[in-house]
Amino acid sequence: MPPMKDIATAAIRELKEETGLECTFDHIICFRQAHGGLFNRSDMFFVCLCKLSPQYENLLNEGKEIELVPQEEEILCADWINMEDYAQQKIWAESPLYKEMNRAMLHAVKNGIEYTAGNDNDDSTKDNLSSEKTHGFVAKNLPVGFRPGSNTIYIVNSGSYFVVCIKRPCLKYKEVLNPG
């Protein structure tokens, strides 16, 4: 993110640059923090919920498809994909970190951004959560899964309530990943 820019502005700009879509910022769903990355620096990755501009709603209501224009320098291909299909891609299968991130995204799209991490059958989430409801983000340090190491993900705890009014497919960015 360029200096002196905030997260909301960066999310809107990135979506426009990488897909050609115009939107408004709604909420931060979650964010991930990693250390020791490129040039031994820390990195923060924000997952933001953005609402498409009204012009796209009109296209959808008319039964038309919204064209995506991928930024050739950064995106090999951009396509619409159902959120469940996105979250179940093979690359995420062995990653507790990205499973948690995808769970937060799915929940935000389906139910708004009120979120409880994990589920009763997932022991990896129980150690990091209190049974007491609080507001704001909770930190969970989880293994990346497809490579050594762990990152911290910050997710909205169950006491935070927001209203989200978008139920649309998400973008699937096709990347060449080498998990080994």
N, C-alpha and C. Protein backbone atom coordinates (compact mmCIF):
# COMPACT_ATOMS: atom_id res chain seq x y z
N MET A 1 0.85 -1.16 0.00
CA MET A 1 0.00 0.00 0.00
C MET A 1 0.90 1.23 0.00
N PRO A 2 0.62 2.19 -0.84
CA PRO A 2 1.45 3.39 -0.88
C PRO A 2 1.39 4.15 0.45
N PRO A 3 2.47 4.86 0.81
CA PRO A 3 2.45 5.66 2.03
C PRO A 3 1.32 6.68 2.00
N MET A 4 0.79 6.96 3.15
CA MET A 4 -0.25 7.98 3.35
C MET A 4 -1.61 7.59 2.73
N LYS A 5 -1.83 6.31 2.46
CA LYS A 5 -3.12 5.84 1.94
C LYS A 5 -3.73 4.92 2.99
N ASP A 6 -5.05 4.98 3.11
CA ASP A 6 -5.68 4.11 4.08
C ASP A 6 -6.19 2.83 3.41
N ILE A 7 -6.61 1.89 4.21
CA ILE A 7 -7.00 0.57 3.73
C ILE A 7 -8.19 0.66 2.79
N ALA A 8 -9.20 1.45 3.13
CA ALA A 8 -10.39 1.56 2.30
C ALA A 8 -10.05 2.11 0.91
N THR A 9 -9.25 3.15 0.87
CA THR A 9 -8.85 3.74 -0.41
C THR A 9 -8.04 2.75 -1.23
N ALA A 10 -7.14 2.02 -0.57
CA ALA A 10 -6.31 1.04 -1.27
C ALA A 10 -7.17 -0.11 -1.83
N ALA A 11 -8.16 -0.57 -1.08
CA ALA A 11 -9.03 -1.66 -1.55
C ALA A 11 -9.80 -1.23 -2.80
N ILE A 12 -10.35 -0.03 -2.78
CA ILE A 12 -11.10 0.48 -3.94
C ILE A 12 -10.17 0.62 -5.15
N ARG A 13 -9.00 1.17 -4.92
CA ARG A 13 -8.03 1.39 -6.01
C ARG A 13 -7.57 0.05 -6.59
N GLU A 14 -7.23 -0.91 -5.73
CA GLU A 14 -6.75 -2.21 -6.21
C GLU A 14 -7.83 -2.94 -7.02
N LEU A 15 -9.07 -2.92 -6.55
CA LEU A 15 -10.14 -3.58 -7.29
C LEU A 15 -10.30 -2.95 -8.67
N LYS A 16 -10.25 -1.63 -8.74
CA LYS A 16 -10.37 -0.92 -10.02
C LYS A 16 -9.19 -1.25 -10.94
N GLU A 17 -7.97 -1.17 -10.40
CA GLU A 17 -6.78 -1.43 -11.21
C GLU A 17 -6.72 -2.87 -11.71
N GLU A 18 -7.07 -3.82 -10.88
CA GLU A 18 -6.87 -5.22 -11.22
C GLU A 18 -8.03 -5.86 -11.95
N THR A 19 -9.24 -5.26 -11.89
CA THR A 19 -10.40 -5.87 -12.54
C THR A 19 -11.20 -4.90 -13.41
N GLY A 20 -10.96 -3.61 -13.25
CA GLY A 20 -11.74 -2.61 -13.96
C GLY A 20 -13.06 -2.28 -13.28
N LEU A 21 -13.35 -2.88 -12.14
CA LEU A 21 -14.63 -2.68 -11.45
C LEU A 21 -14.58 -1.48 -10.52
N GLU A 22 -15.69 -0.77 -10.46
CA GLU A 22 -15.83 0.34 -9.51
C GLU A 22 -16.65 -0.15 -8.33
N CYS A 23 -16.27 0.32 -7.13
CA CYS A 23 -16.94 -0.16 -5.93
C CYS A 23 -16.86 0.89 -4.83
N THR A 24 -17.54 0.58 -3.73
CA THR A 24 -17.39 1.34 -2.49
C THR A 24 -16.92 0.37 -1.42
N PHE A 25 -16.15 0.87 -0.49
CA PHE A 25 -15.64 0.07 0.62
C PHE A 25 -16.75 -0.15 1.62
N ASP A 26 -16.88 -1.37 2.13
CA ASP A 26 -17.88 -1.67 3.15
C ASP A 26 -17.19 -1.93 4.49
N HIS A 27 -16.47 -3.05 4.61
CA HIS A 27 -15.86 -3.43 5.88
C HIS A 27 -14.58 -4.23 5.67
N ILE A 28 -13.76 -4.25 6.69
CA ILE A 28 -12.66 -5.21 6.76
C ILE A 28 -13.26 -6.49 7.34
N ILE A 29 -13.09 -7.59 6.64
CA ILE A 29 -13.59 -8.88 7.13
C ILE A 29 -12.59 -9.48 8.10
N CYS A 30 -11.33 -9.51 7.69
CA CYS A 30 -10.26 -10.02 8.53
C CYS A 30 -8.94 -9.53 7.96
N PHE A 31 -7.88 -9.73 8.70
CA PHE A 31 -6.56 -9.42 8.15
C PHE A 31 -5.55 -10.38 8.73
N ARG A 32 -4.46 -10.57 7.94
CA ARG A 32 -3.41 -11.51 8.28
C ARG A 32 -2.10 -10.76 8.42
N GLN A 33 -1.33 -11.13 9.41
CA GLN A 33 -0.03 -10.52 9.65
C GLN A 33 1.04 -11.60 9.57
N ALA A 34 2.12 -11.31 8.83
CA ALA A 34 3.24 -12.24 8.69
C ALA A 34 4.54 -11.49 8.93
N HIS A 35 5.55 -12.21 9.38
CA HIS A 35 6.86 -11.60 9.63
C HIS A 35 7.92 -12.36 8.87
N GLY A 36 9.02 -11.67 8.56
CA GLY A 36 10.15 -12.30 7.91
C GLY A 36 9.93 -12.58 6.43
N GLY A 37 9.09 -11.79 5.79
CA GLY A 37 8.82 -11.99 4.37
C GLY A 37 9.90 -11.37 3.50
N LEU A 38 9.51 -10.89 2.35
CA LEU A 38 10.40 -10.27 1.39
C LEU A 38 11.22 -9.18 2.06
N PHE A 39 12.51 -9.23 1.89
CA PHE A 39 13.45 -8.28 2.50
C PHE A 39 13.37 -8.31 4.03
N ASN A 40 12.94 -9.46 4.58
CA ASN A 40 12.81 -9.66 6.02
C ASN A 40 11.90 -8.62 6.68
N ARG A 41 10.83 -8.27 6.00
CA ARG A 41 9.88 -7.29 6.50
C ARG A 41 8.58 -7.97 6.91
N SER A 42 7.84 -7.27 7.74
CA SER A 42 6.50 -7.74 8.11
C SER A 42 5.52 -7.37 7.01
N ASP A 43 4.43 -8.11 6.97
CA ASP A 43 3.44 -7.94 5.91
C ASP A 43 2.06 -8.05 6.53
N MET A 44 1.13 -7.19 6.09
CA MET A 44 -0.27 -7.28 6.52
C MET A 44 -1.13 -7.40 5.26
N PHE A 45 -2.04 -8.35 5.29
CA PHE A 45 -2.92 -8.65 4.17
C PHE A 45 -4.35 -8.48 4.67
N PHE A 46 -5.10 -7.55 4.08
CA PHE A 46 -6.46 -7.27 4.51
C PHE A 46 -7.46 -7.87 3.53
N VAL A 47 -8.49 -8.53 4.06
CA VAL A 47 -9.61 -9.02 3.26
C VAL A 47 -10.75 -8.04 3.50
N CYS A 48 -11.14 -7.35 2.44
CA CYS A 48 -12.15 -6.30 2.56
C CYS A 48 -13.40 -6.67 1.77
N LEU A 49 -14.53 -6.29 2.29
CA LEU A 49 -15.78 -6.45 1.59
C LEU A 49 -16.09 -5.13 0.90
N CYS A 50 -16.20 -5.17 -0.40
CA CYS A 50 -16.52 -3.98 -1.19
C CYS A 50 -17.83 -4.23 -1.91
N LYS A 51 -18.64 -3.19 -2.03
CA LYS A 51 -19.91 -3.28 -2.77
C LYS A 51 -19.68 -2.74 -4.17
N LEU A 52 -20.18 -3.48 -5.15
CA LEU A 52 -20.10 -3.01 -6.51
C LEU A 52 -20.95 -1.76 -6.69
N SER A 53 -20.50 -0.88 -7.57
CA SER A 53 -21.25 0.34 -7.87
C SER A 53 -22.63 -0.02 -8.43
N PRO A 54 -23.62 0.87 -8.25
CA PRO A 54 -25.01 0.58 -8.69
C PRO A 54 -25.13 0.22 -10.17
N GLN A 55 -24.25 0.73 -11.01
CA GLN A 55 -24.33 0.42 -12.45
C GLN A 55 -24.26 -1.08 -12.70
N TYR A 56 -23.54 -1.81 -11.85
CA TYR A 56 -23.43 -3.25 -12.02
C TYR A 56 -24.70 -3.96 -11.58
N GLU A 57 -25.36 -3.43 -10.57
CA GLU A 57 -26.64 -4.00 -10.13
C GLU A 57 -27.64 -3.96 -11.28
N ASN A 58 -27.65 -2.85 -12.02
CA ASN A 58 -28.55 -2.73 -13.16
C ASN A 58 -28.25 -3.81 -14.20
N LEU A 59 -26.96 -4.05 -14.49
CA LEU A 59 -26.58 -5.08 -15.45
C LEU A 59 -27.07 -6.46 -14.98
N LEU A 60 -26.85 -6.76 -13.71
CA LEU A 60 -27.27 -8.05 -13.17
C LEU A 60 -28.79 -8.21 -13.22
N ASN A 61 -29.51 -7.13 -12.90
CA ASN A 61 -30.98 -7.18 -12.93
C ASN A 61 -31.50 -7.40 -14.35
N GLU A 62 -30.72 -6.98 -15.34
CA GLU A 62 -31.09 -7.19 -16.75
C GLU A 62 -30.60 -8.55 -17.26
N GLY A 63 -29.99 -9.35 -16.39
CA GLY A 63 -29.51 -10.67 -16.78
C GLY A 63 -28.19 -10.64 -17.54
N LYS A 64 -27.48 -9.53 -17.47
CA LYS A 64 -26.21 -9.40 -18.18
C LYS A 64 -25.06 -9.74 -17.25
N GLU A 65 -23.94 -10.11 -17.83
CA GLU A 65 -22.74 -10.43 -17.07
C GLU A 65 -21.88 -9.18 -16.90
N ILE A 66 -21.21 -9.11 -15.78
CA ILE A 66 -20.29 -8.00 -15.53
C ILE A 66 -18.92 -8.39 -16.06
N GLU A 67 -18.41 -7.60 -17.00
CA GLU A 67 -17.12 -7.90 -17.60
C GLU A 67 -15.98 -7.54 -16.65
N LEU A 68 -15.02 -8.44 -16.55
CA LEU A 68 -13.82 -8.20 -15.77
C LEU A 68 -12.68 -7.90 -16.73
N VAL A 69 -11.88 -6.89 -16.38
CA VAL A 69 -10.74 -6.51 -17.21
C VAL A 69 -9.48 -6.66 -16.35
N PRO A 70 -8.83 -7.85 -16.42
CA PRO A 70 -7.66 -8.09 -15.57
C PRO A 70 -6.48 -7.18 -15.94
N GLN A 71 -5.77 -6.72 -14.92
CA GLN A 71 -4.56 -5.94 -15.12
C GLN A 71 -3.46 -6.91 -15.56
N GLU A 72 -3.05 -6.83 -16.81
CA GLU A 72 -2.15 -7.82 -17.40
C GLU A 72 -0.83 -7.96 -16.65
N GLU A 73 -0.33 -6.89 -16.07
CA GLU A 73 0.96 -6.94 -15.37
C GLU A 73 0.89 -7.76 -14.09
N GLU A 74 -0.30 -7.90 -13.50
CA GLU A 74 -0.41 -8.57 -12.21
C GLU A 74 -1.33 -9.79 -12.20
N ILE A 75 -2.29 -9.84 -13.09
CA ILE A 75 -3.32 -10.88 -13.05
C ILE A 75 -3.27 -11.68 -14.34
N LEU A 76 -3.06 -12.99 -14.22
CA LEU A 76 -3.06 -13.86 -15.39
C LEU A 76 -4.46 -13.97 -15.97
N CYS A 77 -5.44 -14.15 -15.08
CA CYS A 77 -6.82 -14.33 -15.52
C CYS A 77 -7.74 -13.97 -14.35
N ALA A 78 -8.85 -13.35 -14.63
CA ALA A 78 -9.85 -13.06 -13.61
C ALA A 78 -11.18 -13.59 -14.11
N ASP A 79 -11.92 -14.24 -13.23
CA ASP A 79 -13.20 -14.81 -13.61
C ASP A 79 -14.10 -14.80 -12.38
N TRP A 80 -15.40 -14.85 -12.60
CA TRP A 80 -16.34 -14.95 -11.50
C TRP A 80 -16.39 -16.40 -11.03
N ILE A 81 -16.46 -16.58 -9.73
CA ILE A 81 -16.54 -17.91 -9.15
C ILE A 81 -17.40 -17.83 -7.89
N ASN A 82 -18.14 -18.88 -7.64
CA ASN A 82 -18.95 -18.96 -6.44
C ASN A 82 -18.03 -18.99 -5.22
N MET A 83 -18.42 -18.33 -4.14
CA MET A 83 -17.57 -18.26 -2.93
C MET A 83 -17.24 -19.64 -2.38
N GLU A 84 -18.21 -20.55 -2.36
CA GLU A 84 -17.94 -21.89 -1.84
C GLU A 84 -16.87 -22.60 -2.68
N ASP A 85 -16.96 -22.44 -4.00
CA ASP A 85 -15.97 -23.04 -4.88
C ASP A 85 -14.59 -22.42 -4.65
N TYR A 86 -14.56 -21.11 -4.46
CA TYR A 86 -13.28 -20.43 -4.17
C TYR A 86 -12.65 -21.00 -2.90
N ALA A 87 -13.46 -21.10 -1.85
CA ALA A 87 -12.95 -21.53 -0.54
C ALA A 87 -12.51 -22.99 -0.54
N GLN A 88 -13.02 -23.79 -1.47
CA GLN A 88 -12.69 -25.21 -1.49
C GLN A 88 -11.60 -25.56 -2.50
N GLN A 89 -10.90 -24.56 -3.02
CA GLN A 89 -9.81 -24.85 -3.95
C GLN A 89 -8.73 -25.68 -3.25
N LYS A 90 -8.07 -26.53 -4.01
CA LYS A 90 -7.08 -27.45 -3.47
C LYS A 90 -5.96 -26.73 -2.70
N ILE A 91 -5.56 -25.55 -3.15
CA ILE A 91 -4.45 -24.82 -2.51
C ILE A 91 -4.73 -24.52 -1.04
N TRP A 92 -6.00 -24.38 -0.66
CA TRP A 92 -6.34 -24.04 0.74
C TRP A 92 -6.49 -25.27 1.62
N ALA A 93 -6.55 -26.46 1.04
CA ALA A 93 -6.91 -27.68 1.77
C ALA A 93 -6.03 -27.95 2.99
N GLU A 94 -4.75 -27.67 2.92
CA GLU A 94 -3.83 -27.98 4.02
C GLU A 94 -3.44 -26.75 4.83
N SER A 95 -4.18 -25.68 4.69
CA SER A 95 -3.80 -24.44 5.36
C SER A 95 -4.84 -24.01 6.40
N PRO A 96 -4.58 -24.25 7.68
CA PRO A 96 -5.50 -23.76 8.71
C PRO A 96 -5.71 -22.25 8.62
N LEU A 97 -4.65 -21.53 8.28
CA LEU A 97 -4.73 -20.06 8.17
C LEU A 97 -5.73 -19.65 7.09
N TYR A 98 -5.58 -20.20 5.89
CA TYR A 98 -6.45 -19.80 4.79
C TYR A 98 -7.84 -20.41 4.90
N LYS A 99 -7.97 -21.56 5.56
CA LYS A 99 -9.30 -22.09 5.84
C LYS A 99 -10.07 -21.11 6.73
N GLU A 100 -9.38 -20.57 7.73
CA GLU A 100 -10.02 -19.60 8.63
C GLU A 100 -10.39 -18.33 7.89
N MET A 101 -9.49 -17.87 7.02
CA MET A 101 -9.75 -16.67 6.23
C MET A 101 -10.96 -16.89 5.31
N ASN A 102 -10.99 -18.05 4.65
CA ASN A 102 -12.10 -18.35 3.76
C ASN A 102 -13.41 -18.50 4.52
N ARG A 103 -13.35 -19.07 5.72
CA ARG A 103 -14.54 -19.21 6.56
C ARG A 103 -15.10 -17.83 6.91
N ALA A 104 -14.23 -16.89 7.22
CA ALA A 104 -14.66 -15.52 7.53
C ALA A 104 -15.30 -14.86 6.31
N MET A 105 -14.70 -15.06 5.13
CA MET A 105 -15.26 -14.46 3.91
C MET A 105 -16.63 -15.05 3.60
N LEU A 106 -16.75 -16.38 3.67
CA LEU A 106 -18.04 -17.02 3.40
C LEU A 106 -19.11 -16.53 4.35
N HIS A 107 -18.76 -16.43 5.60
CA HIS A 107 -19.73 -15.98 6.59
C HIS A 107 -20.15 -14.54 6.33
N ALA A 108 -19.20 -13.68 6.00
CA ALA A 108 -19.52 -12.28 5.74
C ALA A 108 -20.45 -12.12 4.54
N VAL A 109 -20.21 -12.92 3.50
CA VAL A 109 -21.06 -12.83 2.31
C VAL A 109 -22.46 -13.37 2.59
N LYS A 110 -22.55 -14.44 3.36
CA LYS A 110 -23.84 -15.08 3.61
C LYS A 110 -24.65 -14.37 4.70
N ASN A 111 -23.97 -13.93 5.76
CA ASN A 111 -24.69 -13.52 6.97
C ASN A 111 -24.33 -12.13 7.49
N GLY A 112 -23.56 -11.40 6.81
CA GLY A 112 -23.02 -10.18 7.38
C GLY A 112 -21.71 -10.50 8.05
N ILE A 113 -21.16 -9.59 8.78
CA ILE A 113 -19.81 -9.78 9.28
C ILE A 113 -19.76 -10.21 10.75
N GLU A 114 -20.91 -10.50 11.36
CA GLU A 114 -20.88 -11.11 12.69
C GLU A 114 -20.24 -12.47 12.51
N TYR A 115 -19.24 -12.79 13.30
CA TYR A 115 -18.44 -13.97 13.01
C TYR A 115 -17.94 -14.62 14.28
N THR A 116 -18.06 -15.94 14.35
CA THR A 116 -17.46 -16.72 15.41
C THR A 116 -16.44 -17.63 14.75
N ALA A 117 -15.22 -17.56 15.19
CA ALA A 117 -14.15 -18.34 14.56
C ALA A 117 -14.37 -19.82 14.76
N GLY A 118 -14.04 -20.57 13.71
CA GLY A 118 -14.04 -22.02 13.81
C GLY A 118 -15.42 -22.60 14.02
N ASN A 119 -15.43 -23.87 14.43
CA ASN A 119 -16.68 -24.53 14.78
C ASN A 119 -16.39 -25.49 15.93
N ASP A 120 -17.42 -26.07 16.48
CA ASP A 120 -17.26 -26.91 17.67
C ASP A 120 -16.38 -28.13 17.42
N ASN A 121 -16.27 -28.57 16.17
CA ASN A 121 -15.47 -29.75 15.85
C ASN A 121 -14.03 -29.41 15.50
N ASP A 122 -13.67 -28.15 15.49
CA ASP A 122 -12.34 -27.72 15.07
C ASP A 122 -11.53 -27.30 16.30
N ASP A 123 -10.74 -28.21 16.83
CA ASP A 123 -9.97 -27.95 18.05
C ASP A 123 -8.94 -26.85 17.87
N SER A 124 -8.50 -26.57 16.63
CA SER A 124 -7.46 -25.56 16.42
C SER A 124 -7.92 -24.17 16.79
N THR A 125 -9.24 -23.93 16.85
CA THR A 125 -9.71 -22.58 17.16
C THR A 125 -10.03 -22.39 18.64
N LYS A 126 -10.20 -23.47 19.38
CA LYS A 126 -10.65 -23.34 20.77
C LYS A 126 -9.60 -22.71 21.68
N ASP A 127 -8.32 -22.95 21.41
CA ASP A 127 -7.27 -22.45 22.28
C ASP A 127 -7.16 -20.93 22.26
N ASN A 128 -7.57 -20.30 21.19
CA ASN A 128 -7.34 -18.87 21.04
C ASN A 128 -8.58 -18.02 21.28
N LEU A 129 -9.69 -18.61 21.65
CA LEU A 129 -10.92 -17.84 21.83
C LEU A 129 -11.45 -17.99 23.24
N SER A 130 -12.01 -16.92 23.72
CA SER A 130 -12.66 -16.93 25.02
C SER A 130 -14.13 -17.26 24.80
N SER A 131 -14.76 -17.88 25.77
CA SER A 131 -16.19 -18.14 25.65
C SER A 131 -16.99 -16.85 25.88
N GLU A 132 -16.35 -15.85 26.40
CA GLU A 132 -17.00 -14.57 26.65
C GLU A 132 -17.06 -13.77 25.35
N LYS A 133 -18.23 -13.18 25.06
CA LYS A 133 -18.36 -12.39 23.85
C LYS A 133 -17.68 -11.04 24.05
N THR A 134 -16.88 -10.66 23.07
CA THR A 134 -16.23 -9.35 23.08
C THR A 134 -16.43 -8.73 21.72
N HIS A 135 -16.05 -7.47 21.60
CA HIS A 135 -16.20 -6.76 20.34
C HIS A 135 -14.82 -6.56 19.73
N GLY A 136 -14.79 -6.51 18.41
CA GLY A 136 -13.54 -6.25 17.71
C GLY A 136 -12.92 -7.52 17.17
N PHE A 137 -11.65 -7.44 16.83
CA PHE A 137 -10.93 -8.55 16.24
C PHE A 137 -10.23 -9.37 17.31
N VAL A 138 -10.15 -10.68 17.07
CA VAL A 138 -9.35 -11.55 17.91
C VAL A 138 -8.19 -12.09 17.07
N ALA A 139 -7.06 -12.30 17.70
CA ALA A 139 -5.87 -12.79 17.01
C ALA A 139 -5.76 -14.30 17.14
N LYS A 140 -5.45 -14.97 16.05
CA LYS A 140 -5.22 -16.41 16.05
C LYS A 140 -3.95 -16.67 15.27
N ASN A 141 -2.96 -17.30 15.89
CA ASN A 141 -1.74 -17.67 15.19
C ASN A 141 -1.93 -19.09 14.67
N LEU A 142 -1.93 -19.25 13.33
CA LEU A 142 -2.23 -20.54 12.71
C LEU A 142 -1.14 -20.93 11.73
N PRO A 143 -0.91 -22.23 11.55
CA PRO A 143 0.06 -22.68 10.55
C PRO A 143 -0.42 -22.31 9.15
N VAL A 144 0.52 -21.92 8.30
CA VAL A 144 0.19 -21.62 6.91
C VAL A 144 -0.28 -22.90 6.23
N GLY A 145 0.38 -24.01 6.48
CA GLY A 145 -0.08 -25.31 5.99
C GLY A 145 0.62 -25.78 4.74
N PHE A 146 0.65 -24.99 3.69
CA PHE A 146 1.28 -25.45 2.46
C PHE A 146 2.75 -25.07 2.39
N ARG A 147 3.28 -24.44 3.43
CA ARG A 147 4.71 -24.17 3.60
C ARG A 147 4.96 -24.05 5.09
N PRO A 148 6.21 -24.17 5.53
CA PRO A 148 6.49 -24.06 6.96
C PRO A 148 6.14 -22.67 7.50
N GLY A 149 5.86 -22.61 8.79
CA GLY A 149 5.63 -21.34 9.45
C GLY A 149 4.17 -21.09 9.77
N SER A 150 3.96 -20.01 10.49
CA SER A 150 2.61 -19.61 10.86
C SER A 150 2.47 -18.11 10.68
N ASN A 151 1.23 -17.65 10.56
CA ASN A 151 0.89 -16.24 10.48
C ASN A 151 -0.22 -15.97 11.48
N THR A 152 -0.41 -14.73 11.82
CA THR A 152 -1.51 -14.36 12.69
C THR A 152 -2.64 -13.79 11.85
N ILE A 153 -3.84 -14.31 12.06
CA ILE A 153 -5.03 -13.78 11.38
C ILE A 153 -5.88 -13.10 12.45
N TYR A 154 -6.45 -11.97 12.10
CA TYR A 154 -7.32 -11.23 12.99
C TYR A 154 -8.72 -11.30 12.40
N ILE A 155 -9.64 -11.85 13.17
CA ILE A 155 -11.00 -12.04 12.69
C ILE A 155 -11.96 -11.35 13.64
N VAL A 156 -13.12 -10.99 13.12
CA VAL A 156 -14.13 -10.33 13.94
C VAL A 156 -14.68 -11.34 14.92
N ASN A 157 -14.68 -10.98 16.20
CA ASN A 157 -15.21 -11.87 17.22
C ASN A 157 -16.73 -11.81 17.23
N SER A 158 -17.37 -12.77 17.87
CA SER A 158 -18.82 -12.94 17.79
C SER A 158 -19.63 -11.79 18.37
N GLY A 159 -19.03 -10.89 19.11
CA GLY A 159 -19.79 -9.78 19.68
C GLY A 159 -19.92 -8.58 18.76
N SER A 160 -19.28 -8.59 17.60
CA SER A 160 -19.33 -7.46 16.69
C SER A 160 -20.44 -7.67 15.67
N TYR A 161 -21.24 -6.64 15.44
CA TYR A 161 -22.37 -6.76 14.54
C TYR A 161 -22.30 -5.69 13.47
N PHE A 162 -22.36 -6.12 12.23
CA PHE A 162 -22.39 -5.22 11.09
C PHE A 162 -23.45 -5.77 10.13
N VAL A 163 -23.92 -4.94 9.25
CA VAL A 163 -24.86 -5.38 8.25
C VAL A 163 -24.19 -5.29 6.89
N VAL A 164 -24.25 -6.36 6.14
CA VAL A 164 -23.65 -6.40 4.81
C VAL A 164 -24.76 -6.76 3.84
N CYS A 165 -24.88 -6.02 2.77
CA CYS A 165 -26.00 -6.21 1.85
C CYS A 165 -25.57 -6.73 0.49
N ILE A 166 -24.49 -7.49 0.41
CA ILE A 166 -24.03 -7.99 -0.88
C ILE A 166 -23.97 -9.50 -0.86
N LYS A 167 -24.52 -10.11 -1.88
CA LYS A 167 -24.44 -11.56 -2.03
C LYS A 167 -24.13 -11.83 -3.50
N ARG A 168 -22.87 -11.77 -3.83
CA ARG A 168 -22.41 -11.94 -5.21
C ARG A 168 -21.25 -12.92 -5.25
N PRO A 169 -20.98 -13.49 -6.43
CA PRO A 169 -19.78 -14.32 -6.56
C PRO A 169 -18.53 -13.49 -6.35
N CYS A 170 -17.44 -14.14 -6.03
CA CYS A 170 -16.18 -13.43 -5.85
C CYS A 170 -15.29 -13.66 -7.06
N LEU A 171 -14.20 -12.94 -7.10
CA LEU A 171 -13.24 -13.10 -8.17
C LEU A 171 -12.27 -14.22 -7.83
N LYS A 172 -11.90 -14.96 -8.82
CA LYS A 172 -10.88 -15.98 -8.64
C LYS A 172 -9.66 -15.52 -9.42
N TYR A 173 -8.60 -15.28 -8.73
CA TYR A 173 -7.36 -14.90 -9.38
C TYR A 173 -6.55 -16.17 -9.59
N LYS A 174 -6.27 -16.48 -10.84
CA LYS A 174 -5.50 -17.67 -11.15
C LYS A 174 -4.04 -17.31 -11.05
N GLU A 175 -3.34 -17.93 -10.15
CA GLU A 175 -1.94 -17.65 -9.93
C GLU A 175 -1.14 -18.94 -10.08
N VAL A 176 0.11 -18.79 -10.40
CA VAL A 176 1.01 -19.93 -10.42
C VAL A 176 1.60 -20.01 -9.02
N LEU A 177 1.22 -21.01 -8.26
CA LEU A 177 1.69 -21.16 -6.89
C LEU A 177 2.59 -22.37 -6.80
N ASN A 178 3.67 -22.23 -6.09
CA ASN A 178 4.58 -23.34 -5.84
C ASN A 178 4.65 -23.54 -4.34
N PRO A 179 3.74 -24.34 -3.79
CA PRO A 179 3.70 -24.51 -2.35
C PRO A 179 4.91 -25.23 -1.76
N GLY A 180 5.74 -25.82 -2.60
CA GLY A 180 6.90 -26.59 -2.10
C GLY A 180 8.04 -25.76 -1.87
